[in-house]
Amino acid sequence: MIAEVLEVKLPGPIPDSPSPEVQKMGDEAAHAPGSEQLLQFLDRSTGEGLVIHLWKDQEGYDAFAARREELTAQAKERGTNIVSRRTYEVTYRS
């Protein structure tokens, strides 16, 4: 499993519910082939947060590369600052 972890800073306080455009972008990423889970951790008062996108494998992550860049550009146009982006191999025990 692969984890893509983004540290983000959104403009101003975050509304209780995302706009339809933002919702659509998140839904598209969450339901991309190979996507396992999309988690968002947001501090609504500051606009700071983490986005953790879990991918089944490296191939799924890589296959989404072009669309990821398009969605990132759209987010930046809406004022979102991606402070950092890292990828990790995920191991866990249950």
C-alpha atoms as a PDB file:
ATOM      1  CA  MET A   1       0.000   0.000   0.000  1.00  0.00           C
ATOM      2  CA  ILE A   2       1.161   3.545  -0.797  1.00  0.00           C
ATOM      3  CA  ALA A   3       0.275   6.672   1.198  1.00  0.00           C
ATOM      4  CA  GLU A   4       0.383  10.088  -0.405  1.00  0.00           C
ATOM      5  CA  VAL A   5       0.471  12.687   2.392  1.00  0.00           C
ATOM      6  CA  LEU A   6      -0.154  16.349   1.688  1.00  0.00           C
ATOM      7  CA  GLU A   7       0.175  19.181   4.161  1.00  0.00           C
ATOM      8  CA  VAL A   8      -2.252  21.874   3.013  1.00  0.00           C
ATOM      9  CA  LYS A   9      -3.197  25.430   3.882  1.00  0.00           C
ATOM     10  CA  LEU A  10      -6.613  26.501   2.646  1.00  0.00           C
ATOM     11  CA  PRO A  11      -7.614  30.138   2.383  1.00  0.00           C
ATOM     12  CA  GLY A  12      -9.379  31.400   5.496  1.00  0.00           C
ATOM     13  CA  PRO A  13     -11.791  29.512   7.700  1.00  0.00           C
ATOM     14  CA  ILE A  14     -13.244  26.352   6.161  1.00  0.00           C
ATOM     15  CA  PRO A  15     -17.020  26.222   5.643  1.00  0.00           C
ATOM     16  CA  ASP A  16     -18.991  23.410   7.281  1.00  0.00           C
ATOM     17  CA  SER A  17     -19.553  21.769   3.907  1.00  0.00           C
ATOM     18  CA  PRO A  18     -17.382  21.937   0.788  1.00  0.00           C
ATOM     19  CA  SER A  19     -18.606  23.547  -2.408  1.00  0.00           C
ATOM     20  CA  PRO A  20     -19.968  21.159  -5.059  1.00  0.00           C
ATOM     21  CA  GLU A  21     -16.799  21.670  -7.122  1.00  0.00           C
ATOM     22  CA  VAL A  22     -14.518  20.767  -4.218  1.00  0.00           C
ATOM     23  CA  GLN A  23     -16.725  17.792  -3.340  1.00  0.00           C
ATOM     24  CA  LYS A  24     -16.519  16.561  -6.944  1.00  0.00           C
ATOM     25  CA  MET A  25     -12.713  16.824  -6.976  1.00  0.00           C
ATOM     26  CA  GLY A  26     -12.426  14.837  -3.741  1.00  0.00           C
ATOM     27  CA  ASP A  27     -14.893  12.216  -4.920  1.00  0.00           C
ATOM     28  CA  GLU A  28     -12.998  11.746  -8.170  1.00  0.00           C
ATOM     29  CA  ALA A  29      -9.706  11.180  -6.370  1.00  0.00           C
ATOM     30  CA  ALA A  30     -11.298   8.911  -3.750  1.00  0.00           C
ATOM     31  CA  HIS A  31     -12.902   6.706  -6.411  1.00  0.00           C
ATOM     32  CA  ALA A  32      -9.976   6.535  -8.839  1.00  0.00           C
ATOM     33  CA  PRO A  33      -8.918   3.027  -9.836  1.00  0.00           C
ATOM     34  CA  GLY A  34      -6.461   1.771  -7.232  1.00  0.00           C
ATOM     35  CA  SER A  35      -7.544   4.261  -4.560  1.00  0.00           C
ATOM     36  CA  GLU A  36      -8.206   2.644  -1.196  1.00  0.00           C
ATOM     37  CA  GLN A  37      -9.098   5.592   1.055  1.00  0.00           C
ATOM     38  CA  LEU A  38      -8.944   9.389   1.086  1.00  0.00           C
ATOM     39  CA  LEU A  39      -8.709  10.968   4.535  1.00  0.00           C
ATOM     40  CA  GLN A  40      -8.789  14.687   5.289  1.00  0.00           C
ATOM     41  CA  PHE A  41      -7.778  16.198   8.606  1.00  0.00           C
ATOM     42  CA  LEU A  42      -8.671  19.899   8.715  1.00  0.00           C
ATOM     43  CA  ASP A  43      -8.523  22.611  11.321  1.00  0.00           C
ATOM     44  CA  ARG A  44     -11.506  24.684  10.203  1.00  0.00           C
ATOM     45  CA  SER A  45     -10.403  27.744  12.179  1.00  0.00           C
ATOM     46  CA  THR A  46      -6.953  28.020  10.532  1.00  0.00           C
ATOM     47  CA  GLY A  47      -7.396  26.271   7.184  1.00  0.00           C
ATOM     48  CA  GLU A  48      -4.453  23.982   7.939  1.00  0.00           C
ATOM     49  CA  GLY A  49      -4.655  20.270   7.419  1.00  0.00           C
ATOM     50  CA  LEU A  50      -3.409  16.962   6.146  1.00  0.00           C
ATOM     51  CA  VAL A  51      -4.742  14.908   3.286  1.00  0.00           C
ATOM     52  CA  ILE A  52      -3.791  11.234   3.300  1.00  0.00           C
ATOM     53  CA  HIS A  53      -4.610   9.291   0.150  1.00  0.00           C
ATOM     54  CA  LEU A  54      -4.062   5.546   0.417  1.00  0.00           C
ATOM     55  CA  TRP A  55      -3.417   3.601  -2.768  1.00  0.00           C
ATOM     56  CA  LYS A  56      -3.597  -0.162  -3.230  1.00  0.00           C
ATOM     57  CA  ASP A  57      -0.174  -0.232  -4.910  1.00  0.00           C
ATOM     58  CA  GLN A  58       2.444   1.840  -6.726  1.00  0.00           C
ATOM     59  CA  GLU A  59       0.846   1.096 -10.100  1.00  0.00           C
ATOM     60  CA  GLY A  60      -2.458   2.659  -9.064  1.00  0.00           C
ATOM     61  CA  TYR A  61      -0.679   5.678  -7.632  1.00  0.00           C
ATOM     62  CA  ASP A  62       1.390   6.096 -10.808  1.00  0.00           C
ATOM     63  CA  ALA A  63      -1.618   5.651 -13.109  1.00  0.00           C
ATOM     64  CA  PHE A  64      -3.313   8.656 -11.478  1.00  0.00           C
ATOM     65  CA  ALA A  65      -0.264  10.939 -11.924  1.00  0.00           C
ATOM     66  CA  ALA A  66      -1.544  13.098 -14.793  1.00  0.00           C
ATOM     67  CA  ARG A  67      -4.980  13.599 -13.260  1.00  0.00           C
ATOM     68  CA  ARG A  68      -3.378  14.278  -9.851  1.00  0.00           C
ATOM     69  CA  GLU A  69      -1.455  17.188 -11.397  1.00  0.00           C
ATOM     70  CA  GLU A  70      -4.647  18.578 -12.967  1.00  0.00           C
ATOM     71  CA  LEU A  71      -6.549  18.367  -9.678  1.00  0.00           C
ATOM     72  CA  THR A  72      -3.602  19.952  -7.850  1.00  0.00           C
ATOM     73  CA  ALA A  73      -3.622  22.860 -10.310  1.00  0.00           C
ATOM     74  CA  GLN A  74      -7.382  23.292  -9.799  1.00  0.00           C
ATOM     75  CA  ALA A  75      -6.928  23.305  -6.019  1.00  0.00           C
ATOM     76  CA  LYS A  76      -4.196  25.947  -6.309  1.00  0.00           C
ATOM     77  CA  GLU A  77      -6.489  28.083  -8.478  1.00  0.00           C
ATOM     78  CA  ARG A  78      -9.027  27.945  -5.630  1.00  0.00           C
ATOM     79  CA  GLY A  79      -6.393  29.235  -3.190  1.00  0.00           C
ATOM     80  CA  THR A  80      -5.174  25.993  -1.640  1.00  0.00           C
ATOM     81  CA  ASN A  81      -1.468  25.993  -0.835  1.00  0.00           C
ATOM     82  CA  ILE A  82       0.114  22.535  -0.844  1.00  0.00           C
ATOM     83  CA  VAL A  83       2.869  23.028   1.697  1.00  0.00           C
ATOM     84  CA  SER A  84       4.402  19.581   1.210  1.00  0.00           C
ATOM     85  CA  ARG A  85       3.701  16.286  -0.549  1.00  0.00           C
ATOM     86  CA  ARG A  86       5.330  12.996   0.432  1.00  0.00           C
ATOM     87  CA  THR A  87       4.762   9.371  -0.457  1.00  0.00           C
ATOM     88  CA  TYR A  88       5.301   6.443   1.877  1.00  0.00           C
ATOM     89  CA  GLU A  89       5.125   2.695   1.717  1.00  0.00           C
ATOM     90  CA  VAL A  90       2.533   1.616   4.266  1.00  0.00           C
ATOM     91  CA  THR A  91       2.978  -1.395   6.525  1.00  0.00           C
ATOM     92  CA  TYR A  92       0.655  -2.223   9.369  1.00  0.00           C
ATOM     93  CA  ARG A  93      -0.336  -4.968  11.737  1.00  0.00           C
ATOM     94  CA  SER A  94      -3.813  -5.748  12.966  1.00  0.00           C
END
